Structure formats: C-alpha cells, structure tokens
Protein backbone atom coordinates (compact mmCIF):
# COMPACT_ATOMS: atom_id res chain seq x y z
CA UNK A 1 1.98 -23.70 4.82
CA UNK A 2 2.19 -23.30 1.04
CA UNK A 3 -0.11 -25.31 -1.19
CA UNK A 4 0.45 -26.34 -4.79
CA UNK A 5 -2.21 -26.94 -7.36
CA UNK A 6 -3.45 -26.22 -10.85
CA UNK A 7 -5.82 -23.53 -12.10
CA UNK A 8 -8.62 -25.76 -13.33
CA UNK A 9 -11.14 -22.98 -13.96
CA UNK A 10 -10.41 -19.43 -15.07
CA UNK A 11 -12.87 -16.74 -16.23
CA UNK A 12 -10.61 -14.04 -17.62
CA UNK A 13 -13.43 -11.59 -18.39
CA UNK A 14 -14.40 -11.61 -14.71
CA UNK A 15 -10.90 -11.95 -13.27
CA UNK A 16 -11.38 -15.03 -11.09
CA UNK A 17 -11.22 -18.80 -11.12
CA UNK A 18 -10.54 -21.87 -9.03
CA UNK A 19 -7.43 -23.82 -8.07
CA UNK A 20 -7.51 -27.57 -7.46
CA UNK A 21 -4.73 -28.54 -5.04
CA UNK A 22 -2.54 -31.56 -5.67
CA UNK A 23 -3.96 -34.69 -4.13
CA UNK A 24 -7.30 -33.13 -3.25
CA UNK A 25 -10.52 -31.96 -4.87
CA UNK A 26 -11.05 -29.13 -2.36
CA UNK A 27 -11.01 -26.17 -4.76
CA UNK A 28 -9.87 -22.72 -3.69
CA UNK A 29 -11.32 -19.53 -5.14
CA UNK A 30 -8.70 -17.19 -6.62
CA UNK A 31 -9.05 -13.56 -7.74
CA UNK A 32 -6.69 -11.81 -10.15
CA UNK A 33 -5.64 -9.42 -7.38
CA UNK A 34 -4.26 -12.37 -5.37
CA UNK A 35 -1.46 -13.05 -7.87
CA UNK A 36 2.00 -11.73 -7.02
CA UNK A 37 2.88 -11.27 -10.69
CA UNK A 38 0.64 -8.47 -11.93
CA UNK A 39 2.28 -8.55 -15.38
CA UNK A 40 1.12 -12.08 -16.21
CA UNK A 41 -2.49 -13.12 -16.46
CA UNK A 42 -3.48 -16.76 -16.02
CA UNK A 43 -5.16 -18.53 -18.91
CA UNK A 44 -5.98 -21.76 -17.09
CA UNK A 45 -4.22 -25.05 -16.38
CA UNK A 46 -1.09 -23.36 -14.91
CA UNK A 47 0.61 -24.86 -11.88
CA UNK A 48 0.68 -22.41 -8.97
CA UNK A 49 1.60 -22.26 -5.31
CA UNK A 50 -0.49 -20.32 -2.83
CA UNK A 51 -1.49 -19.64 0.73
CA UNK A 52 -5.09 -20.11 1.65
CA UNK A 53 -7.61 -18.74 4.09
CA UNK A 54 -11.26 -19.33 4.91
CA UNK A 55 -13.65 -16.39 4.58
CA UNK A 56 -16.65 -15.55 6.75
CA UNK A 57 -18.86 -17.91 4.72
CA UNK A 58 -16.47 -20.82 5.16
CA UNK A 59 -15.20 -20.70 1.57
CA UNK A 60 -11.55 -21.46 0.83
CA UNK A 61 -9.71 -18.63 -0.90
CA UNK A 62 -6.22 -18.64 -2.39
CA UNK A 63 -3.94 -15.75 -1.45
CA UNK A 64 -0.36 -14.77 -2.26
CA UNK A 65 -0.55 -16.83 -5.46
CA UNK A 66 2.62 -17.42 -7.51
CA UNK A 67 3.09 -19.27 -10.78
CA UNK A 68 5.34 -22.32 -10.54
CA UNK A 69 9.00 -21.31 -10.54
CA UNK A 70 8.34 -17.72 -9.52
CA UNK A 71 9.59 -16.16 -6.32
CA UNK A 72 7.04 -15.97 -3.55
CA UNK A 73 6.54 -12.60 -1.91
CA UNK A 74 7.11 -12.65 1.85
CA UNK A 75 3.96 -12.69 4.01
CA UNK A 76 2.77 -9.52 5.68
CA UNK A 77 4.84 -8.73 8.74
CA UNK A 78 3.40 -7.87 12.11
CA UNK A 79 3.66 -4.31 13.24
CA UNK A 80 1.56 -2.61 10.56
CA UNK A 81 -0.88 -1.48 13.25
CA UNK A 82 1.93 0.25 15.12
CA UNK A 83 2.83 2.13 11.94
CA UNK A 84 -0.75 3.35 11.61
CA UNK A 85 -0.67 4.58 15.20
CA UNK A 86 2.65 6.30 14.45
CA UNK A 87 1.10 8.17 11.52
CA UNK A 88 -1.89 9.31 13.58
CA UNK A 89 0.37 10.32 16.47
CA UNK A 90 2.51 12.31 14.03
CA UNK A 91 -0.48 14.36 12.87
CA UNK A 92 -1.68 14.83 16.45
CA UNK A 93 1.77 16.07 17.44
CA UNK A 94 1.72 18.54 14.57
CA UNK A 95 -1.74 19.75 15.63
CA UNK A 96 -0.50 20.21 19.19
CA UNK A 97 2.51 22.16 17.90
CA UNK A 98 0.15 24.51 16.06
CA UNK A 99 -2.00 24.90 19.16
CA UNK A 100 0.95 26.08 21.26
CA UNK A 101 2.16 28.35 18.46
CA UNK A 102 5.27 26.39 17.50
CA UNK A 103 4.09 25.68 13.95
CA UNK A 104 1.98 27.67 11.50
CA UNK A 105 -1.47 26.16 10.82
CA UNK A 106 -0.64 25.88 7.11
CA UNK A 107 1.79 23.03 7.83
CA UNK A 108 -0.88 20.84 9.42
CA UNK A 109 -3.37 21.73 6.71
CA UNK A 110 -0.90 20.62 4.02
CA UNK A 111 -0.34 17.28 5.78
CA UNK A 112 -4.05 16.69 6.34
CA UNK A 113 -5.00 17.49 2.74
CA UNK A 114 -2.11 15.45 1.33
CA UNK A 115 -3.01 12.53 3.62
CA UNK A 116 -6.64 12.55 2.50
CA UNK A 117 -5.54 12.66 -1.15
CA UNK A 118 -3.09 9.80 -0.57
CA UNK A 119 -5.71 7.68 1.19
CA UNK A 120 -8.18 8.23 -1.66
CA UNK A 121 -5.49 7.36 -4.23
CA UNK A 122 -4.79 4.06 -2.46
CA UNK A 123 -8.52 3.28 -2.32
CA UNK A 124 -8.93 4.00 -6.03
CA UNK A 125 -5.89 1.88 -6.88
CA UNK A 126 -7.15 -0.98 -4.71
CA UNK A 127 -10.52 -0.89 -6.46
CA UNK A 128 -8.81 -0.80 -9.87
CA UNK A 129 -6.69 -3.83 -8.92
CA UNK A 130 -9.82 -5.80 -8.07
CA UNK A 131 -11.41 -4.91 -11.41
CA UNK A 132 -8.12 -5.37 -13.27
CA UNK A 133 -8.60 -1.80 -14.53
CA UNK A 134 -6.01 0.90 -15.15
CA UNK A 135 -3.92 1.42 -12.02
CA UNK A 136 -2.47 4.53 -10.41
CA UNK A 137 1.31 4.50 -11.07
CA UNK A 138 3.42 3.67 -8.05
CA UNK A 139 5.51 6.81 -8.60
CA UNK A 140 2.33 8.86 -8.13
CA UNK A 141 1.59 7.16 -4.82
CA UNK A 142 5.18 7.83 -3.73
CA UNK A 143 4.85 11.48 -4.77
CA UNK A 144 1.81 11.90 -2.54
CA UNK A 145 3.81 10.44 0.35
CA UNK A 146 6.79 12.67 -0.36
CA UNK A 147 4.78 15.92 -0.28
CA UNK A 148 3.30 15.08 3.11
CA UNK A 149 0.62 12.48 2.49
CA UNK A 150 2.53 9.58 4.01
CA UNK A 151 0.43 9.45 7.22
CA UNK A 152 -2.68 8.91 5.11
CA UNK A 153 -0.82 6.36 2.99
CA UNK A 154 0.22 4.39 6.09
CA UNK A 155 -3.37 4.30 7.32
CA UNK A 156 -4.58 3.26 3.84
CA UNK A 157 -2.04 0.43 3.68
CA UNK A 158 -3.27 -0.82 7.04
CA UNK A 159 -7.02 -0.46 6.52
CA UNK A 160 -7.17 -1.40 2.83
CA UNK A 161 -4.37 -3.99 3.01
CA UNK A 162 -2.92 -2.54 -0.14
CA UNK A 163 0.74 -2.24 -1.22
CA UNK A 164 1.97 -3.97 1.93
CA UNK A 165 3.50 -7.12 0.42
CA UNK A 166 5.66 -5.78 -2.40
CA UNK A 167 9.06 -5.26 -0.78
CA UNK A 168 10.40 -2.84 -3.39
CA UNK A 169 7.37 -0.58 -2.98
CA UNK A 170 7.72 -0.56 0.80
CA UNK A 171 11.42 0.31 0.59
CA UNK A 172 10.77 3.27 -1.69
CA UNK A 173 7.77 4.35 0.38
CA UNK A 174 9.74 4.56 3.63
CA UNK A 175 12.53 6.40 1.84
CA UNK A 176 9.97 9.07 0.88
CA UNK A 177 8.83 9.21 4.53
CA UNK A 178 12.38 9.79 5.74
CA UNK A 179 13.00 12.43 3.06
CA UNK A 180 9.79 14.25 3.92
CA UNK A 181 10.55 14.29 7.63
CA UNK A 182 14.13 15.41 6.96
CA UNK A 183 12.99 18.32 4.78
CA UNK A 184 10.34 19.39 7.30
CA UNK A 185 12.87 19.14 10.12
CA UNK A 186 15.28 21.36 8.22
CA UNK A 187 12.59 23.91 7.37
CA UNK A 188 11.73 24.17 11.07
CA UNK A 189 15.38 24.66 12.04
CA UNK A 190 16.89 28.17 12.35
CA UNK A 191 18.72 27.81 9.03
CA UNK A 192 15.61 26.55 7.27
CA UNK A 193 13.46 29.30 8.72
CA UNK A 194 16.02 31.90 7.61
CA UNK A 195 16.05 30.42 4.10
CA UNK A 196 12.26 30.57 3.88
CA UNK A 197 12.24 34.16 5.06
CA UNK A 198 14.85 35.05 2.44
CA UNK A 199 12.73 33.48 -0.30
CA UNK A 200 9.63 35.30 0.98
CA UNK A 201 11.42 38.63 0.68
CA UNK A 202 12.32 38.09 -2.97
CA UNK A 203 10.34 40.32 -5.39
C-alpha cells in the first residue's frame, strides 16, 4: 500500500526529516537515501508518496519515497537470495575445477580478489549514499562486475540491500555478468586456449 503525505520537517544538513501522511498525524521518518530521485533534494513541504515499514524500535519509517508526479520504482522482487547462492556456488565450482586440475589457480584468485573489491566498493557507495557524500560511479561498479567481481557484487546487493531497486542498473549489471561468463567460457574452450597460448608466445 502506497501512502501520500507532505514533508513537514526536513533537516538538509543531516539528510533526514519527517513526513506527515494525509488525514493522519502519524509521522514517518525519512532519510535522504530513501528517495528514488537522487538528483533532487527535498527542501520541505513537498508532497510525496511512499511505502512504510516499522523498525525494531517500533518507529515508522518511509521507504521508496517519490515526489508527487514522479514514477515509482518497482519494489524489490523475491529471488535475490537465490542469486546470492548462485554467486557462491559459482565460486565453489571454480574452486573445485582448480582442485581437479581443470582450471589454473590464477582464475579463481582473480575472481576472489575482484569479488572482494566489488563488495567493498558497494559498501563504500552505500555508506556514501547514507551520508549524501560523493558516490562511486555506476560505471565503476559495472567494471568491477565485468572483470570478474560480479559474485561479490551479487552478495553485496543482497546483504547491503544496495542497487537492487533501480531497474536500469540491474539490467546493465546482468549484461556484464553474461559478458563475463561468455568471455571466460570462450577462454576455456579449445579455440580460446589456443588464442591465449599464441599471445603467450609473442615476444
């Protein structure tokens, strides 16, 4: 259920305020990171629509907040946990392939390092979003995924609940996953292996 109300209190220096819903005085806390539109900062007295939840202390918090007239981002879809398991299984399968001698250890090391870097980048970006500080560009996050850090990025999205709502980001992210897997699959094929060996023999 979507609620509509007005931002009756806003502290821009601290990045939070309160929304009073229409027909009620039951205020909802709202943080700057809860707004869908990251290019527009509230100044107070704007009409907004929002979802709401109750935190562990029983306080009402506004989530998925949109200014009146703006498109509402779709809610998080189920299945994110399965994607995290897929990422972990992928790394385990690579480790098993190294153990039986099918893959060189360097491949798994690259994925593990890239995944750790990607996870840290998501954590830093999430913290920056909460402080309304300078963010890590989305193209940088996609680059980390493309070079092999996508398993760590999937886990970060699940654990940190970051970058999971924006549809355009998710589309580009999964394109990088497909491209990465396609390139790795080719490199492990006979033609890819032959190409790598040819490059290695170059002076």
